[in-house]
Structure formats: structure tokens, C-alpha cells
Amino acid sequence: MKTNFLFIGSIALFVTSAIYVSMVFVPAQSDKAGDVIPTTFAVVELFTSEGCSSCPAADEILGKLHSEYKENNLPVYVLAYHVDYWNYLGWKDDYSKKEYTQRQSRYGEVFSLQSVYTPQMIVNGSTEFVGSNRSRAETAVKYALSRQAEVRIDLKGCFIINDSTIKVIYAVDNFLADMVLNFAVVERGLSREIRRGENAGRTLKHHNVVRAFQNTKVKGQSEMTIIVPPEMVFKNAALIVFAQHSSSMNIVGAAELEISIK
């Protein structure tokens, strides 16, 4: 199915081979007891939609990446951005936002793509591929984990202020003028019964859905207030922070922290 938006490609590419996680020993550094900051990382961004019949396979891969790497205590951070251009084709995705479509379009410019499409997976802002390609995902993550982070991010705390607000205390080193610091609040364990559109009749499971996304250029030690949907379940949420070059979109440092009650 193709529908012009900029141009929307629903890409059906299903790979049945299992995911094998290559073990990578990640060096870490610590400022104080209990404060271990990884020096390598992989940020995996998936652009997806409940209205896209090719996306559930990619969502499943994202979930497996998250669980398997986390089980092995490796710094792989996964994010699912639900784009909004499928909302006019039979089913409105309540997790979608225009700003996520805009983010994907920016990547499209950097990668010189003729169109945006779903499912699209991007690793460390530097390589993109069809999100349902398991082998490409594993290769890209393994390569990312072999490289050193350029920016050190220390998340000192993430606290609930009220039902729709959290506060983050952070410090960042080696932050350059061309960089932006992105704050993404993700929620896991989500599912929805789809009644219309290409996935009608299916119950879709979602992993690390981006519920809020903000950024800043403030370096050093600072605080950030983030507005989140009031219906979000905090016990199922986490904060992923990553530094990114504005021009190349390369991601050069990342960290993750569970949200705690102050």
C-alpha cells in the first residue's frame, strides 16, 4: 500500500530468523559508589503506527531488543515513536504525535530519502533500515556498542511532581554548540485492540512508546521539567536522555533512568 503524504510506504518485510544477542562487554565509569555510567550505548528509534500492517513485526523486534539486551545489562535504549500520517487511513493512533512525524522527516532529509515510511528503525541517528529486518537491527546495535560515547550524561534523579509533570536532574559533559539534549519519556506494557484500518481485529502490543519528548541545549548540571500525559502509568515508565548533533543527527551519548516518586 502506498499513500502520498510526503509519500508513505507501508513496507512488509518479515524475517523469521530468531534474534541472537552478541555479548559485548561494556566498559563503565563511575564517579561514586553506585553511580555507574556506561561508555558505550545504542539508541534504537522505531517510527511506527497502529494503522500500518507492516509495523507489528517491527514492534515485536523492538520489544525483543529491549528485553534481551536489558537482561544482559547492556546499554541499549529503545524508543517507539508513533507517527500521525496513518491516522487518516482508517484508524487513529492515540499514541501518535505530529512532532514525531516531523522528527522522522528530519531524518529523511539527513539520509536523503525520497519519502518517509513505516516501519523505520534508526540506530544512533546514523543508520536507517526497515524496522522489521531483524538481522540489520542486530548488526547495527552490535556496531553501536563497539564505539565509545562522545558525551557523558549523568542522570541524578527523575521525580514525579504531579500526575502530568516530572522533574529531571542531570549533568552532561563534552556538550558542543551543535548538540541538543533530548528527553524522552517512554511507557512499556501497552496494548490496544484495533477496530479499523489495516490491522482491524488485531490486538497490538507496544514497547517503550514515547509519551513525551522535549529537548534543550543547556549543558553542565541543570534541571528539566517534562509534561507527560496524565493517564500514563508511572511504574511502567522510564526516562531516556540522549545527546545528538543537530546537523548530522548522529547520537553521541545516552542514559536511562526509571521514574521515582519524590
Foldseek 3Di string as FASTA:
>chain_A
DWDPDLIEDQDADADDDDFDADDDDWDWDAPDPPFTFTFFAKEKEWEAAPQRPRALLLQVLLVCVVVVCVVVVGHYHYEYAYAQPSCVFKHGGPLHDPVSVVVQVLLCVLVVHSDGYPGWMDMQSQDIDHSNPNVVVNVRRVVRRVDGFQKTKGWPAWADPDLFKIKTKIAMPNQDPQKKKKKWKFFAFDWDAACIHPQHRDIGHGGRYGFWMDIDSDHGIDMDMTTGPSPGDLQRMKMKMWMAGNPNRGTRGIDIGRYDHD
